Structures are given as C-alpha cells and as structure tokens.
C-alpha cells in the first residue's frame, strides 16, 4: 500500500548540493522530473522548497512563438523558454505568446 507523505505534491524538499545559493524564482534542474522553481533562496548545503506545479512566467527566446496548449521547453544555457524539443520539457503554454512577447506563461508539468 502507498502512503502519502504529508505533501500533496505541488512542491518538494530539495538539497542544494552546489556551492552557490539558488535564488527564489530560479529554475532548478531535477533530472527525470524536468525542472522546478525555487520557492525561496536555498543556501549551499541547505534544503529548500522547489515548486513542481503552478503557472509561471518564463523569459522566452525572442524568435519563439507559442499557441495556447503548446509544449514549452527550457534551455538552461540561455535561460530561456523555447519551442525546441532538444531542450528540457517544462510544460504547456497557458496563453498564446508572440515573438515580440518577452515571456510565456507555462503550467508546469
């Protein structure tokens, strides 16, 4: 039998094993889970909350356009949302975004 461990699943505890602080709102790479968003500053060696759900505004590549429901990816090198499936999948656009838009709204997952 599975037992729920006091969390509905919208966020997880994350150990910052790096040497730099992870700032609140920063994209956090989570391997096979994709990405999450730091819920607060996470100091090196500390455990902090990382969001796995919700709608977030991601800065996007200047050439990318998205229709509502389009799959959105994250390029960790450029720190931009893209439409390239060569990047890490982050979720679906919750509204259309034109090339001129700076951000795209994405429902994680």
N, C-alpha and C. Protein backbone atom coordinates (compact mmCIF):
# COMPACT_ATOMS: atom_id res chain seq x y z
N UNK A 1 0.83 -1.17 0.00
CA UNK A 1 0.00 0.00 0.00
C UNK A 1 0.88 1.24 0.00
N UNK A 2 0.52 2.23 -0.81
CA UNK A 2 1.23 3.50 -0.84
C UNK A 2 0.71 4.41 0.26
N UNK A 3 1.60 5.17 0.85
CA UNK A 3 1.24 6.10 1.91
C UNK A 3 1.68 7.49 1.49
N UNK A 4 0.75 8.43 1.51
CA UNK A 4 1.10 9.81 1.18
C UNK A 4 1.94 10.40 2.30
N UNK A 5 3.02 11.05 1.94
CA UNK A 5 3.95 11.62 2.91
C UNK A 5 3.74 13.11 3.07
N UNK A 6 2.72 13.51 3.76
CA UNK A 6 2.37 14.86 4.19
C UNK A 6 2.50 15.96 3.15
N UNK A 7 2.51 15.63 1.88
CA UNK A 7 2.59 16.64 0.82
C UNK A 7 1.67 16.24 -0.31
N UNK A 8 0.88 17.19 -0.78
CA UNK A 8 0.06 16.88 -1.94
C UNK A 8 0.85 16.79 -3.24
N UNK A 9 2.08 17.29 -3.27
CA UNK A 9 2.92 17.12 -4.46
C UNK A 9 3.21 18.37 -5.24
N UNK A 10 2.69 19.51 -4.81
CA UNK A 10 2.97 20.72 -5.58
C UNK A 10 4.39 21.23 -5.38
N UNK A 11 5.05 20.81 -4.30
CA UNK A 11 6.45 21.17 -4.12
C UNK A 11 7.18 20.02 -3.43
N UNK A 12 8.49 20.07 -3.49
CA UNK A 12 9.33 19.05 -2.85
C UNK A 12 10.44 19.74 -2.07
N UNK A 13 11.03 19.01 -1.13
CA UNK A 13 12.23 19.47 -0.46
C UNK A 13 13.41 19.17 -1.38
N UNK A 14 14.30 20.13 -1.53
CA UNK A 14 15.43 19.98 -2.44
C UNK A 14 16.71 20.38 -1.72
N UNK A 15 17.71 19.49 -1.74
CA UNK A 15 19.02 19.77 -1.16
C UNK A 15 19.88 20.48 -2.19
N UNK A 16 20.32 21.68 -1.86
CA UNK A 16 21.24 22.40 -2.73
C UNK A 16 22.65 21.85 -2.48
N UNK A 17 23.07 20.93 -3.33
CA UNK A 17 24.39 20.30 -3.19
C UNK A 17 25.48 21.12 -3.86
N UNK A 18 25.11 22.26 -4.46
CA UNK A 18 26.09 23.11 -5.14
C UNK A 18 26.80 24.04 -4.18
N UNK A 19 27.60 24.93 -4.74
CA UNK A 19 28.37 25.88 -3.94
C UNK A 19 27.79 27.29 -3.99
N UNK A 20 26.78 27.50 -4.82
CA UNK A 20 26.15 28.82 -4.95
C UNK A 20 24.72 28.77 -4.42
N UNK A 21 24.27 29.90 -3.86
CA UNK A 21 22.88 29.99 -3.43
C UNK A 21 21.97 29.90 -4.66
N UNK A 22 20.85 29.21 -4.52
CA UNK A 22 19.82 29.19 -5.55
C UNK A 22 18.80 30.25 -5.16
N UNK A 23 18.66 31.31 -5.96
CA UNK A 23 17.72 32.37 -5.58
C UNK A 23 16.26 31.98 -5.78
N UNK A 24 15.40 32.57 -4.98
CA UNK A 24 13.96 32.37 -5.13
C UNK A 24 13.54 32.68 -6.56
N UNK A 25 12.71 31.81 -7.14
CA UNK A 25 12.24 32.01 -8.50
C UNK A 25 13.15 31.44 -9.57
N UNK A 26 14.29 30.89 -9.18
CA UNK A 26 15.25 30.31 -10.12
C UNK A 26 14.78 28.95 -10.60
N UNK A 27 15.03 28.65 -11.86
CA UNK A 27 14.75 27.32 -12.40
C UNK A 27 15.77 26.34 -11.83
N UNK A 28 15.27 25.21 -11.34
CA UNK A 28 16.12 24.16 -10.76
C UNK A 28 15.97 22.90 -11.60
N UNK A 29 17.08 22.39 -12.13
CA UNK A 29 17.06 21.16 -12.90
C UNK A 29 16.86 19.98 -11.96
N UNK A 30 15.91 19.10 -12.31
CA UNK A 30 15.56 17.97 -11.44
C UNK A 30 15.67 16.63 -12.16
N UNK A 31 16.61 16.52 -13.06
CA UNK A 31 16.82 15.25 -13.75
C UNK A 31 15.57 14.80 -14.47
N UNK A 32 15.14 13.56 -14.22
CA UNK A 32 13.98 12.99 -14.88
C UNK A 32 12.67 13.68 -14.56
N UNK A 33 12.62 14.49 -13.49
CA UNK A 33 11.40 15.25 -13.19
C UNK A 33 11.28 16.50 -14.05
N UNK A 34 12.34 16.86 -14.75
CA UNK A 34 12.32 18.09 -15.56
C UNK A 34 12.90 19.25 -14.78
N UNK A 35 12.05 20.24 -14.50
CA UNK A 35 12.52 21.41 -13.74
C UNK A 35 11.51 21.73 -12.65
N UNK A 36 11.96 22.52 -11.71
CA UNK A 36 11.10 23.10 -10.68
C UNK A 36 11.52 24.54 -10.49
N UNK A 37 10.81 25.25 -9.63
CA UNK A 37 11.09 26.65 -9.35
C UNK A 37 11.37 26.80 -7.86
N UNK A 38 12.52 27.38 -7.51
CA UNK A 38 12.87 27.58 -6.10
C UNK A 38 11.83 28.47 -5.44
N UNK A 39 11.27 28.01 -4.32
CA UNK A 39 10.25 28.76 -3.61
C UNK A 39 10.81 29.83 -2.69
N UNK A 40 12.08 29.75 -2.38
CA UNK A 40 12.79 30.72 -1.55
C UNK A 40 14.27 30.53 -1.84
N UNK A 41 15.10 31.45 -1.36
CA UNK A 41 16.55 31.27 -1.51
C UNK A 41 16.95 29.97 -0.83
N UNK A 42 17.81 29.19 -1.50
CA UNK A 42 18.30 27.93 -0.93
C UNK A 42 19.83 28.03 -0.86
N UNK A 43 20.34 28.13 0.34
CA UNK A 43 21.78 28.26 0.55
C UNK A 43 22.48 26.93 0.24
N UNK A 44 23.78 26.98 -0.10
CA UNK A 44 24.52 25.74 -0.33
C UNK A 44 24.46 24.83 0.91
N UNK A 45 24.18 23.57 0.69
CA UNK A 45 24.09 22.61 1.78
C UNK A 45 22.75 22.61 2.50
N UNK A 46 21.87 23.54 2.16
CA UNK A 46 20.57 23.63 2.82
C UNK A 46 19.49 22.96 1.98
N UNK A 47 18.38 22.66 2.64
CA UNK A 47 17.20 22.10 1.97
C UNK A 47 16.17 23.21 1.86
N UNK A 48 15.58 23.33 0.67
CA UNK A 48 14.55 24.33 0.46
C UNK A 48 13.44 23.76 -0.41
N UNK A 49 12.39 24.54 -0.52
CA UNK A 49 11.21 24.13 -1.27
C UNK A 49 11.37 24.46 -2.76
N UNK A 50 11.02 23.50 -3.61
CA UNK A 50 11.02 23.69 -5.06
C UNK A 50 9.63 23.34 -5.57
N UNK A 51 9.02 24.29 -6.28
CA UNK A 51 7.67 24.10 -6.83
C UNK A 51 7.71 23.23 -8.08
N UNK A 52 6.78 22.28 -8.15
CA UNK A 52 6.64 21.41 -9.32
C UNK A 52 5.37 21.70 -10.10
N UNK A 53 4.50 22.54 -9.55
CA UNK A 53 3.22 22.84 -10.17
C UNK A 53 3.01 24.35 -10.21
N UNK A 54 1.98 24.74 -10.93
CA UNK A 54 1.60 26.15 -10.99
C UNK A 54 1.85 26.72 -12.38
N UNK A 55 1.42 27.96 -12.55
CA UNK A 55 1.64 28.69 -13.80
C UNK A 55 2.68 29.77 -13.51
N UNK A 56 3.72 29.78 -14.32
CA UNK A 56 4.86 30.67 -14.12
C UNK A 56 5.18 31.42 -15.41
N UNK A 57 5.67 32.64 -15.27
CA UNK A 57 6.11 33.42 -16.43
C UNK A 57 7.59 33.13 -16.65
N UNK A 58 7.91 32.59 -17.82
CA UNK A 58 9.29 32.27 -18.19
C UNK A 58 9.76 33.24 -19.26
N UNK A 59 10.98 33.78 -19.14
CA UNK A 59 11.52 34.57 -20.24
C UNK A 59 11.68 33.65 -21.45
N UNK A 60 11.38 34.17 -22.62
CA UNK A 60 11.40 33.29 -23.79
C UNK A 60 12.38 33.77 -24.84
N UNK A 61 12.78 32.83 -25.66
CA UNK A 61 13.61 33.12 -26.82
C UNK A 61 12.87 34.11 -27.70
N UNK A 62 13.57 35.11 -28.22
CA UNK A 62 12.95 36.19 -29.00
C UNK A 62 12.27 35.70 -30.27
N UNK A 63 12.66 34.55 -30.78
CA UNK A 63 12.06 34.06 -32.03
C UNK A 63 10.94 33.07 -31.79
N UNK A 64 10.78 32.60 -30.56
CA UNK A 64 9.79 31.57 -30.26
C UNK A 64 8.38 32.16 -30.19
N UNK A 65 7.42 31.42 -30.74
CA UNK A 65 6.01 31.75 -30.60
C UNK A 65 5.30 30.53 -30.05
N UNK A 66 4.22 30.76 -29.28
CA UNK A 66 3.51 29.66 -28.67
C UNK A 66 2.01 29.88 -28.78
N UNK A 67 1.29 28.87 -29.20
CA UNK A 67 -0.17 28.87 -29.14
C UNK A 67 -0.56 28.34 -27.76
N UNK A 68 -1.75 28.64 -27.32
CA UNK A 68 -2.21 28.10 -26.05
C UNK A 68 -2.17 26.57 -26.13
N UNK A 69 -1.62 25.94 -25.12
CA UNK A 69 -1.50 24.49 -25.09
C UNK A 69 -0.23 23.94 -25.71
N UNK A 70 0.58 24.81 -26.34
CA UNK A 70 1.82 24.34 -26.96
C UNK A 70 2.82 23.88 -25.90
N UNK A 71 3.59 22.86 -26.23
CA UNK A 71 4.63 22.39 -25.33
C UNK A 71 5.76 23.41 -25.30
N UNK A 72 6.25 23.69 -24.09
CA UNK A 72 7.31 24.67 -23.88
C UNK A 72 8.51 23.96 -23.27
N UNK A 73 9.69 24.33 -23.71
CA UNK A 73 10.95 23.72 -23.27
C UNK A 73 11.84 24.78 -22.64
N UNK A 74 12.83 24.34 -21.85
CA UNK A 74 13.76 25.25 -21.18
C UNK A 74 15.17 24.99 -21.66
N UNK A 75 15.84 26.05 -22.11
CA UNK A 75 17.24 25.98 -22.49
C UNK A 75 18.04 26.53 -21.32
N UNK A 76 18.71 25.65 -20.58
CA UNK A 76 19.43 26.04 -19.38
C UNK A 76 20.65 26.90 -19.68
N UNK A 77 21.20 26.79 -20.86
CA UNK A 77 22.37 27.60 -21.22
C UNK A 77 21.95 29.05 -21.45
N UNK A 78 20.86 29.25 -22.19
CA UNK A 78 20.39 30.60 -22.50
C UNK A 78 19.44 31.14 -21.42
N UNK A 79 18.97 30.26 -20.51
CA UNK A 79 17.96 30.63 -19.52
C UNK A 79 16.73 31.23 -20.18
N UNK A 80 16.23 30.52 -21.20
CA UNK A 80 15.07 30.98 -21.96
C UNK A 80 14.15 29.80 -22.26
N UNK A 81 12.86 30.09 -22.34
CA UNK A 81 11.88 29.12 -22.82
C UNK A 81 11.98 29.06 -24.34
N UNK A 82 11.88 27.85 -24.88
CA UNK A 82 11.99 27.66 -26.32
C UNK A 82 10.91 26.69 -26.79
N UNK A 83 10.84 26.54 -28.11
CA UNK A 83 9.92 25.56 -28.70
C UNK A 83 10.70 24.34 -29.21
N UNK A 84 11.98 24.25 -28.84
CA UNK A 84 12.84 23.17 -29.32
C UNK A 84 12.78 21.95 -28.42
N UNK A 85 12.39 20.80 -28.98
CA UNK A 85 12.33 19.60 -28.16
C UNK A 85 13.72 19.04 -27.86
N UNK A 86 14.77 19.72 -28.31
CA UNK A 86 16.13 19.35 -27.91
C UNK A 86 16.42 19.85 -26.49
N UNK A 87 15.56 20.76 -25.98
CA UNK A 87 15.72 21.31 -24.63
C UNK A 87 14.83 20.52 -23.66
N UNK A 88 14.86 20.88 -22.39
CA UNK A 88 14.11 20.19 -21.34
C UNK A 88 12.66 20.64 -21.34
N UNK A 89 11.74 19.68 -21.42
CA UNK A 89 10.31 20.00 -21.41
C UNK A 89 9.93 20.55 -20.04
N UNK A 90 9.16 21.68 -20.05
CA UNK A 90 8.74 22.27 -18.78
C UNK A 90 7.23 22.29 -18.59
N UNK A 91 6.47 22.25 -19.67
CA UNK A 91 5.02 22.27 -19.53
C UNK A 91 4.34 22.78 -20.78
N UNK A 92 3.16 23.36 -20.57
CA UNK A 92 2.34 23.84 -21.69
C UNK A 92 2.01 25.31 -21.50
N UNK A 93 1.98 26.04 -22.61
CA UNK A 93 1.63 27.46 -22.59
C UNK A 93 0.17 27.63 -22.19
N UNK A 94 -0.10 28.54 -21.26
CA UNK A 94 -1.48 28.77 -20.82
C UNK A 94 -2.12 29.93 -21.56
N UNK A 95 -1.36 30.62 -22.38
CA UNK A 95 -1.89 31.62 -23.29
C UNK A 95 -0.91 31.77 -24.43
N UNK A 96 -1.38 32.31 -25.53
CA UNK A 96 -0.51 32.49 -26.70
C UNK A 96 0.58 33.51 -26.38
N UNK A 97 1.75 33.32 -26.99
CA UNK A 97 2.86 34.27 -26.86
C UNK A 97 3.44 34.50 -28.24
N UNK A 98 3.53 35.76 -28.64
CA UNK A 98 4.08 36.14 -29.94
C UNK A 98 5.59 36.34 -29.82
N UNK A 99 6.26 36.44 -30.95
CA UNK A 99 7.71 36.65 -30.96
C UNK A 99 8.08 37.92 -30.20
N UNK A 100 7.25 38.93 -30.25
CA UNK A 100 7.54 40.21 -29.59
C UNK A 100 7.36 40.14 -28.07
N UNK A 101 6.68 39.12 -27.56
CA UNK A 101 6.47 38.99 -26.12
C UNK A 101 7.76 38.57 -25.42
N UNK A 102 8.01 39.15 -24.26
CA UNK A 102 9.23 38.82 -23.51
C UNK A 102 9.10 37.51 -22.76
N UNK A 103 7.87 37.16 -22.37
CA UNK A 103 7.64 35.99 -21.52
C UNK A 103 6.56 35.10 -22.12
N UNK A 104 6.52 33.87 -21.65
CA UNK A 104 5.44 32.94 -21.95
C UNK A 104 4.96 32.37 -20.62
N UNK A 105 3.64 32.30 -20.44
CA UNK A 105 3.07 31.70 -19.24
C UNK A 105 2.97 30.20 -19.44
N UNK A 106 3.51 29.43 -18.48
CA UNK A 106 3.61 28.00 -18.62
C UNK A 106 3.06 27.32 -17.37
N UNK A 107 2.19 26.33 -17.58
CA UNK A 107 1.76 25.45 -16.50
C UNK A 107 2.77 24.31 -16.44
N UNK A 108 3.48 24.23 -15.32
CA UNK A 108 4.49 23.19 -15.17
C UNK A 108 3.87 21.81 -15.27
N UNK A 109 4.68 20.90 -15.79
CA UNK A 109 4.23 19.51 -15.83
C UNK A 109 4.27 18.90 -17.18
